[in-house]
Amino acid sequence: MKITAIKTFLMHAGSPQLKSWAADGSFGTQVFSGNLTGTRNWLFVKVYTDEGVVGLGECSGWPRVIETAVQDLQALLIGEDPQHIERLWQKMQIAIMGHGMTGTVGAGAMTGIDMALWDIKGKVLGVPVWSLLGGQVRSQVRMYAHASTPETALALKARGVTALKCGGVSNPVRKIAALREAVGDEIDLMIDLHGPPWLTPADAATLARELEPYKLLFMEDPIAPENLDGYRRIRDASNIPLAAGERMSTIFGLRQLIEQELVDVVQPDTGRAGGITQMKKIAAMAEAHHIMMAPHSGSLGPVAEYAALHLLAAIPNTLFLERIEDDWDGRDHTALPALRQHHGFLTVPTAPGLGVDIDEDFVARFPSQANVSIPVTPASGAYAEGTFEEHVYVQTRLKRAHYFPKG
């Protein structure tokens, strides 16, 4: 069997419902043709073979740019045997190394291709991808959803969801307090504090102490990903579990986060971490340090979600999978069969390969219109008053008696 072609399918995906993502209006504010909001793009990849077997994958990390990277890598892979996944991953890695250290764009391109190669192997052998990864540890995977208001949280709880995460950096303590009061103690709560603007390590440490009484499952991305030393400062100042990793790629990018035990939960993105090949290795590294895996999936399309389920079915240190439960309506038409949660769990696919395919005609109806934006608005309250137009990356929190209400 030989690879004959690689084809990309780029689409503009609509935004999730705002209240489920962040109540401060920090997501999906731009409006485009087709009544689409936000600048989220999904990039799917198909690898074709001379025996008619086609593999499907998905790339994230800046999909509009990654499409070019995938097309550039195609020439390296035409004529290769798709079953040699590790060797082909290494070939792609050394081919792009001349452009600098592999970041999310390069890793995102390799991810979609790698994912498609695993899909091909599963189809050829007639087994699901999880069988190739060592078999099932579990047949269903727990998921968590997003809620930044008590109303949304209660609605998701009524639908069987048992874990919820809120987002946004404005009024985080009050937001968590309101959610805990609404849902009670039986629901696991988390908070995602990613910028802009990012917290300083000192402010993140203070906030961690303020959030301790609410018994969070974890505090995610409290500081900018470049500042690994800052995680140690937060660790020393509080007992709250920490989570991070979605902005890093490959075992090399996540090595320090794991080996220095700076987090309790590692969150590689299934669309840009380097593929199933790298995700399985990252999981093994994390397992050796008793760190749990909870892959990032907030901006991803449905194919990467399938890939994450196969991985999480086959590793021992699965925590759960992120899922936007009230996503853009077009998600269920993009890839079939559409996944559904039941009592807070997603059933692991059993069809050969990944067990999913995209509707190419539907994808073609939504061409990419933009793929970058300022992710918050002045109304979000994320920036200190009067400083929004500065667009700084990190900012000290002002009005501290209000931001840190317990002092």
Protein backbone atom coordinates (compact mmCIF):
# COMPACT_ATOMS: atom_id res chain seq x y z
CA MET A 1 0.00 0.00 0.00
CA LYS A 2 1.27 3.45 -0.93
CA ILE A 3 0.15 7.01 -0.22
CA THR A 4 -1.07 8.66 -3.42
CA ALA A 5 -2.39 12.04 -2.28
CA ILE A 6 -3.17 14.25 0.73
CA LYS A 7 -6.11 16.65 0.59
CA THR A 8 -7.14 19.40 3.01
CA PHE A 9 -10.65 20.59 3.90
CA LEU A 10 -10.72 23.98 5.63
CA MET A 11 -13.97 25.42 6.97
CA HIS A 12 -15.17 28.38 9.01
CA ALA A 13 -16.96 27.03 12.07
CA GLY A 14 -19.44 29.11 14.02
CA SER A 15 -18.97 30.00 17.67
CA PRO A 16 -20.42 28.07 20.59
CA GLN A 17 -23.25 29.62 22.53
CA LEU A 18 -21.65 32.52 24.44
CA LYS A 19 -23.13 31.87 27.85
CA SER A 20 -21.88 28.31 27.90
CA TRP A 21 -18.34 29.44 27.08
CA ALA A 22 -17.84 32.69 29.01
CA ALA A 23 -20.47 34.97 30.47
CA ASP A 24 -18.27 38.01 30.01
CA GLY A 25 -18.74 38.09 26.24
CA SER A 26 -15.16 37.12 25.51
CA PHE A 27 -15.78 34.71 22.66
CA GLY A 28 -17.14 35.00 19.14
CA THR A 29 -17.91 38.70 18.80
CA GLN A 30 -17.02 39.18 15.12
CA VAL A 31 -19.79 38.50 12.59
CA PHE A 32 -19.15 37.12 9.09
CA SER A 33 -21.23 36.12 6.10
CA GLY A 34 -23.39 33.06 6.54
CA ASN A 35 -24.40 34.33 9.99
CA LEU A 36 -21.16 32.98 11.44
CA THR A 37 -19.62 34.56 14.53
CA GLY A 38 -16.04 34.28 15.72
CA THR A 39 -12.92 33.22 13.82
CA ARG A 40 -12.79 29.52 14.67
CA ASN A 41 -11.66 27.37 11.73
CA TRP A 42 -11.54 23.60 11.43
CA LEU A 43 -9.02 21.88 9.16
CA PHE A 44 -9.52 18.27 8.15
CA VAL A 45 -7.01 16.13 6.26
CA LYS A 46 -7.53 13.04 4.13
CA VAL A 47 -4.69 10.70 3.17
CA TYR A 48 -5.44 8.60 0.08
CA THR A 49 -3.84 5.26 -0.86
CA ASP A 50 -3.51 3.17 -4.00
CA GLU A 51 -5.72 0.48 -2.44
CA GLY A 52 -8.64 2.82 -1.96
CA VAL A 53 -8.32 3.11 1.83
CA VAL A 54 -8.64 6.72 2.97
CA GLY A 55 -7.57 8.06 6.36
CA LEU A 56 -9.05 11.11 8.08
CA GLY A 57 -7.41 13.52 10.51
CA GLU A 58 -7.78 17.03 11.94
CA CYS A 59 -5.30 19.86 12.56
CA SER A 60 -5.47 22.79 14.97
CA GLY A 61 -3.02 25.44 16.11
CA TRP A 62 -3.85 28.03 13.40
CA PRO A 63 -5.75 26.01 10.81
CA ARG A 64 -5.67 28.59 8.03
CA VAL A 65 -1.87 28.65 8.12
CA ILE A 66 -1.46 24.94 8.84
CA GLU A 67 -3.27 24.08 5.61
CA THR A 68 -0.23 25.36 3.71
CA ALA A 69 2.11 23.32 5.93
CA VAL A 70 0.14 20.13 5.24
CA GLN A 71 0.29 20.78 1.52
CA ASP A 72 4.05 21.33 1.78
CA LEU A 73 4.54 18.04 3.63
CA GLN A 74 2.58 16.11 1.01
CA ALA A 75 5.58 15.71 -1.32
CA LEU A 76 7.52 13.92 1.45
CA LEU A 77 4.84 11.29 1.89
CA ILE A 78 3.66 10.42 -1.62
CA GLY A 79 4.78 6.87 -2.38
CA GLU A 80 5.36 5.96 1.28
CA ASP A 81 3.71 2.99 2.99
CA PRO A 82 1.18 4.48 5.46
CA GLN A 83 1.57 1.65 7.96
CA HIS A 84 4.99 2.91 9.10
CA ILE A 85 3.54 5.69 11.26
CA GLU A 86 6.47 6.31 13.59
CA ARG A 87 9.00 6.50 10.76
CA LEU A 88 6.81 8.91 8.80
CA TRP A 89 6.39 11.10 11.90
CA GLN A 90 10.16 11.23 12.29
CA LYS A 91 10.54 12.04 8.58
CA MET A 92 8.16 15.00 8.87
CA GLN A 93 9.89 16.21 12.03
CA ILE A 94 13.35 16.34 10.48
CA ALA A 95 11.97 17.91 7.29
CA ILE A 96 10.62 20.95 9.15
CA MET A 97 13.41 21.33 11.72
CA GLY A 98 15.25 23.80 9.51
CA HIS A 99 12.45 26.30 10.12
CA GLY A 100 13.13 26.41 13.87
CA MET A 101 11.75 24.60 16.90
CA THR A 102 8.52 22.75 16.19
CA GLY A 103 5.59 24.79 17.49
CA THR A 104 1.86 24.41 17.17
CA VAL A 105 1.82 25.15 13.43
CA GLY A 106 4.34 22.46 12.50
CA ALA A 107 2.99 20.02 15.06
CA GLY A 108 -0.56 20.80 13.98
CA ALA A 109 0.26 19.82 10.41
CA MET A 110 1.90 16.58 11.53
CA THR A 111 -1.04 15.90 13.84
CA GLY A 112 -3.66 15.73 11.11
CA ILE A 113 -1.51 13.51 8.91
CA ASP A 114 -0.53 11.24 11.81
CA MET A 115 -4.17 10.91 12.86
CA ALA A 116 -5.12 9.92 9.32
CA LEU A 117 -2.38 7.27 9.25
CA TRP A 118 -3.78 5.67 12.40
CA ASP A 119 -7.23 5.76 10.80
CA ILE A 120 -5.86 3.93 7.74
CA LYS A 121 -4.15 1.26 9.84
CA GLY A 122 -7.31 0.59 11.82
CA LYS A 123 -9.39 0.30 8.65
CA VAL A 124 -6.90 -2.06 6.99
CA LEU A 125 -6.79 -4.33 10.05
CA GLY A 126 -10.51 -4.02 10.71
CA VAL A 127 -10.09 -2.74 14.28
CA PRO A 128 -10.73 0.58 16.06
CA VAL A 129 -7.69 2.76 16.78
CA TRP A 130 -7.92 2.11 20.53
CA SER A 131 -7.20 -1.57 19.80
CA LEU A 132 -3.91 -0.54 18.18
CA LEU A 133 -3.00 1.49 21.28
CA GLY A 134 -3.19 -1.47 23.65
CA GLY A 135 -6.91 -2.15 23.90
CA GLN A 136 -9.57 -0.68 26.14
CA VAL A 137 -9.08 0.38 29.71
CA ARG A 138 -12.62 1.77 29.55
CA SER A 139 -15.54 1.72 27.10
CA GLN A 140 -16.79 5.19 27.93
CA VAL A 141 -15.01 8.43 28.80
CA ARG A 142 -16.21 11.03 31.26
CA MET A 143 -16.60 14.52 29.81
CA TYR A 144 -16.94 18.02 31.20
CA ALA A 145 -18.83 20.99 29.85
CA HIS A 146 -18.62 24.78 30.19
CA ALA A 147 -20.76 27.01 32.35
CA SER A 148 -20.10 30.55 33.49
CA THR A 149 -23.53 31.29 34.93
CA PRO A 150 -25.58 29.39 37.54
CA GLU A 151 -28.42 29.06 35.02
CA THR A 152 -26.23 27.30 32.47
CA ALA A 153 -24.65 25.13 35.15
CA LEU A 154 -28.00 23.95 36.47
CA ALA A 155 -29.24 23.18 32.96
CA LEU A 156 -26.16 21.05 32.24
CA LYS A 157 -26.46 19.31 35.60
CA ALA A 158 -30.05 18.40 34.72
CA ARG A 159 -28.75 16.82 31.50
CA GLY A 160 -26.43 14.52 33.43
CA VAL A 161 -23.16 16.47 33.21
CA THR A 162 -21.08 15.92 36.36
CA ALA A 163 -18.15 18.29 35.80
CA LEU A 164 -18.17 21.95 34.74
CA LYS A 165 -15.56 24.56 33.88
CA CYS A 166 -16.02 28.30 33.74
CA GLY A 167 -13.89 30.69 31.72
CA GLY A 168 -12.85 34.32 31.69
CA VAL A 169 -10.54 36.32 33.93
CA SER A 170 -13.06 38.87 35.19
CA ASN A 171 -14.43 38.29 38.72
CA PRO A 172 -13.24 34.66 38.93
CA VAL A 173 -13.81 34.17 42.67
CA ARG A 174 -17.37 35.50 42.56
CA LYS A 175 -18.07 33.41 39.47
CA ILE A 176 -16.90 30.20 41.13
CA ALA A 177 -18.72 31.03 44.36
CA ALA A 178 -22.00 31.47 42.46
CA LEU A 179 -21.52 28.20 40.57
CA ARG A 180 -20.68 26.23 43.70
CA GLU A 181 -23.73 27.59 45.49
CA ALA A 182 -25.95 26.67 42.54
CA VAL A 183 -24.77 23.13 41.80
CA GLY A 184 -23.76 21.95 45.26
CA ASP A 185 -20.86 19.74 46.27
CA GLU A 186 -21.52 16.75 44.02
CA ILE A 187 -20.45 18.55 40.82
CA ASP A 188 -16.73 18.94 40.05
CA LEU A 189 -15.83 22.54 39.21
CA MET A 190 -12.81 23.98 37.39
CA ILE A 191 -11.77 27.42 36.18
CA ASP A 192 -9.81 28.42 33.08
CA LEU A 193 -7.85 31.65 33.61
CA HIS A 194 -6.07 32.01 30.29
CA GLY A 195 -5.50 35.53 29.03
CA PRO A 196 -5.54 38.02 27.63
CA PRO A 197 -4.35 39.49 29.79
CA TRP A 198 -2.52 36.75 31.63
CA LEU A 199 -2.17 36.99 35.38
CA THR A 200 1.21 37.70 36.93
CA PRO A 201 2.57 34.78 38.99
CA ALA A 202 2.00 36.80 42.18
CA ASP A 203 -1.64 37.46 41.30
CA ALA A 204 -2.18 33.85 40.24
CA ALA A 205 -0.80 32.65 43.58
CA THR A 206 -3.10 35.00 45.48
CA LEU A 207 -6.08 33.89 43.38
CA ALA A 208 -5.26 30.22 43.95
CA ARG A 209 -5.46 30.76 47.70
CA GLU A 210 -8.80 32.57 47.31
CA LEU A 211 -10.22 29.66 45.32
CA GLU A 212 -9.11 26.90 47.71
CA PRO A 213 -12.34 26.85 49.77
CA TYR A 214 -14.36 25.89 46.68
CA LYS A 215 -12.50 22.59 46.24
CA LEU A 216 -11.85 22.92 42.52
CA LEU A 217 -10.72 19.91 40.53
CA PHE A 218 -8.14 22.21 38.96
CA MET A 219 -7.19 25.78 38.07
CA GLU A 220 -6.22 25.91 34.40
CA ASP A 221 -3.66 28.12 32.66
CA PRO A 222 -3.26 30.64 35.53
CA ILE A 223 -0.21 32.25 33.89
CA ALA A 224 1.32 32.58 30.44
CA PRO A 225 2.67 29.25 29.13
CA GLU A 226 6.20 30.60 28.69
CA ASN A 227 6.60 31.16 32.44
CA LEU A 228 7.22 27.67 33.77
CA ASP A 229 9.01 29.01 36.86
CA GLY A 230 5.81 30.84 37.76
CA TYR A 231 3.99 27.52 38.15
CA ARG A 232 6.39 26.58 40.90
CA ARG A 233 5.58 29.84 42.71
CA ILE A 234 1.85 29.07 42.53
CA ARG A 235 2.49 25.52 43.75
CA ASP A 236 4.43 26.78 46.76
CA ALA A 237 1.72 29.29 47.66
CA SER A 238 -1.38 27.09 47.51
CA ASN A 239 -2.80 23.58 47.49
CA ILE A 240 -5.04 23.93 44.48
CA PRO A 241 -4.44 21.41 41.64
CA LEU A 242 -3.02 23.01 38.48
CA ALA A 243 -3.64 22.17 34.81
CA ALA A 244 -1.93 23.35 31.61
CA GLY A 245 -0.41 22.21 28.34
CA GLU A 246 -2.85 23.05 25.56
CA ARG A 247 -0.48 25.57 23.97
CA MET A 248 2.47 23.17 23.85
CA SER A 249 3.26 20.47 21.32
CA THR A 250 5.10 17.14 21.26
CA ILE A 251 6.89 15.34 24.07
CA PHE A 252 9.67 17.92 23.82
CA GLY A 253 7.36 20.87 24.38
CA LEU A 254 5.59 19.27 27.38
CA ARG A 255 8.64 17.61 28.94
CA GLN A 256 9.45 20.25 31.59
CA LEU A 257 5.83 20.71 32.59
CA ILE A 258 5.60 16.99 33.31
CA GLU A 259 9.09 16.13 34.56
CA GLN A 260 9.16 19.02 37.01
CA GLU A 261 5.63 18.10 38.15
CA LEU A 262 4.42 21.66 37.70
CA VAL A 263 0.86 20.48 37.03
CA ASP A 264 -1.50 17.81 38.30
CA VAL A 265 -3.38 17.57 35.00
CA VAL A 266 -1.79 17.85 31.57
CA GLN A 267 -3.94 19.08 28.68
CA PRO A 268 -2.32 18.50 25.28
CA ASP A 269 -4.52 19.54 22.37
CA THR A 270 -5.53 16.53 20.28
CA GLY A 271 -5.32 18.64 17.11
CA ARG A 272 -1.86 20.16 17.58
CA ALA A 273 0.18 18.11 20.07
CA GLY A 274 1.80 16.05 17.30
CA GLY A 275 -0.81 13.37 16.64
CA ILE A 276 -1.94 10.19 18.32
CA THR A 277 1.69 9.02 18.16
CA GLN A 278 2.80 11.88 20.41
CA MET A 279 -0.32 11.90 22.62
CA LYS A 280 0.30 8.28 23.63
CA LYS A 281 3.89 9.15 24.57
CA ILE A 282 2.82 12.25 26.49
CA ALA A 283 0.31 10.13 28.42
CA ALA A 284 3.05 7.65 29.35
CA MET A 285 5.35 10.44 30.54
CA ALA A 286 2.52 11.87 32.64
CA GLU A 287 1.64 8.46 34.07
CA ALA A 288 5.19 8.06 35.41
CA HIS A 289 4.64 11.25 37.44
CA HIS A 290 1.07 10.42 38.52
CA ILE A 291 -0.26 13.25 36.36
CA MET A 292 -3.70 12.86 34.79
CA MET A 293 -4.60 13.44 31.12
CA ALA A 294 -7.48 15.74 30.15
CA PRO A 295 -6.94 16.74 26.49
CA HIS A 296 -7.89 20.25 25.42
CA SER A 297 -10.83 20.25 23.02
CA GLY A 298 -12.41 23.68 23.35
CA SER A 299 -11.81 24.94 19.82
CA LEU A 300 -11.51 21.60 18.02
CA GLY A 301 -13.79 20.02 15.48
CA PRO A 302 -15.45 16.61 15.77
CA VAL A 303 -12.72 14.46 14.18
CA ALA A 304 -10.13 15.35 16.82
CA GLU A 305 -12.75 14.59 19.45
CA TYR A 306 -13.03 11.06 18.06
CA ALA A 307 -9.24 10.70 18.16
CA ALA A 308 -9.18 11.83 21.79
CA LEU A 309 -11.77 9.22 22.73
CA HIS A 310 -9.67 6.43 21.22
CA LEU A 311 -6.62 7.61 23.16
CA LEU A 312 -8.45 8.09 26.45
CA ALA A 313 -10.02 4.65 26.14
CA ALA A 314 -6.57 3.05 26.01
CA ILE A 315 -4.54 4.82 28.71
CA PRO A 316 -4.75 4.36 32.50
CA ASN A 317 -4.37 8.01 33.54
CA THR A 318 -7.46 9.43 31.83
CA LEU A 319 -9.26 12.11 33.84
CA PHE A 320 -11.87 13.20 31.29
CA LEU A 321 -12.37 15.01 27.97
CA GLU A 322 -13.33 18.63 27.45
CA ARG A 323 -16.47 19.10 25.37
CA ILE A 324 -18.51 22.12 24.30
CA GLU A 325 -21.92 20.64 24.95
CA ASP A 326 -23.84 23.47 23.24
CA ASP A 327 -21.63 24.05 20.23
CA TRP A 328 -22.37 25.57 16.84
CA ASP A 329 -25.33 23.79 15.23
CA GLY A 330 -23.20 22.90 12.19
CA ARG A 331 -20.93 20.63 14.24
CA ASP A 332 -23.37 17.73 14.06
CA HIS A 333 -23.51 18.03 10.27
CA THR A 334 -19.75 18.32 9.77
CA ALA A 335 -18.82 14.77 10.81
CA LEU A 336 -20.92 11.65 11.16
CA PRO A 337 -21.94 9.94 13.28
CA ALA A 338 -22.27 12.86 15.72
CA LEU A 339 -21.21 12.13 19.30
CA ARG A 340 -23.69 12.46 22.16
CA GLN A 341 -23.02 12.51 25.90
CA HIS A 342 -25.12 10.30 28.14
CA HIS A 343 -25.13 10.87 31.90
CA GLY A 344 -21.86 12.75 31.61
CA PHE A 345 -20.04 10.15 29.50
CA LEU A 346 -19.12 9.66 25.84
CA THR A 347 -19.20 6.14 24.40
CA VAL A 348 -15.94 5.03 22.81
CA PRO A 349 -16.33 4.25 19.07
CA THR A 350 -16.00 0.62 17.97
CA ALA A 351 -15.91 0.91 14.16
CA PRO A 352 -12.60 0.26 12.35
CA GLY A 353 -10.17 3.19 12.37
CA LEU A 354 -11.46 6.34 14.01
CA GLY A 355 -15.03 5.47 13.03
CA VAL A 356 -15.94 8.88 11.64
CA ASP A 357 -16.08 10.69 8.30
CA ILE A 358 -16.75 14.29 7.26
CA ASP A 359 -19.50 15.55 4.98
CA GLU A 360 -17.31 17.19 2.34
CA ASP A 361 -20.22 19.03 0.74
CA PHE A 362 -21.26 20.55 4.06
CA VAL A 363 -17.68 21.58 4.87
CA ALA A 364 -17.37 23.27 1.47
CA ARG A 365 -20.38 25.48 2.27
CA PHE A 366 -18.37 27.34 4.93
CA PRO A 367 -15.08 28.62 3.45
CA SER A 368 -12.63 30.26 5.82
CA GLN A 369 -13.14 34.02 6.19
CA ALA A 370 -10.71 34.81 9.03
CA ASN A 371 -8.73 32.90 11.62
CA VAL A 372 -7.34 35.52 14.03
CA SER A 373 -9.06 37.96 16.38
CA ILE A 374 -8.72 39.81 19.67
CA PRO A 375 -10.37 37.24 21.97
CA VAL A 376 -11.87 39.68 24.48
CA THR A 377 -13.92 42.88 24.26
CA PRO A 378 -13.82 46.07 26.35
CA ALA A 379 -17.10 44.97 27.93
CA SER A 380 -15.58 41.73 29.20
CA GLY A 381 -13.81 43.49 32.06
CA ALA A 382 -10.70 41.40 31.45
CA TYR A 383 -8.43 44.45 31.21
CA ALA A 384 -8.07 47.18 33.82
CA GLU A 385 -10.33 50.13 33.12
CA GLY A 386 -9.03 52.33 30.32
CA THR A 387 -6.30 49.92 29.20
CA PHE A 388 -8.06 47.70 26.65
CA GLU A 389 -6.49 49.41 23.63
CA GLU A 390 -3.02 48.70 25.01
CA HIS A 391 -3.59 44.97 24.26
CA VAL A 392 -0.87 43.91 26.72
CA TYR A 393 -0.03 40.23 27.17
CA VAL A 394 0.31 40.25 31.00
CA GLN A 395 -1.28 42.71 33.43
CA THR A 396 -1.29 43.17 37.20
CA ARG A 397 -4.83 43.13 38.61
CA LEU A 398 -6.01 46.47 40.00
CA LYS A 399 -8.87 47.20 42.42
CA ARG A 400 -7.50 44.26 44.31
CA ALA A 401 -9.94 44.30 47.19
CA HIS A 402 -12.64 43.66 44.61
CA TYR A 403 -10.73 41.13 42.50
CA PHE A 404 -9.54 39.19 45.55
CA PRO A 405 -12.64 39.59 47.72
CA LYS A 406 -11.43 37.67 50.77
CA GLY A 407 -8.17 39.57 50.97
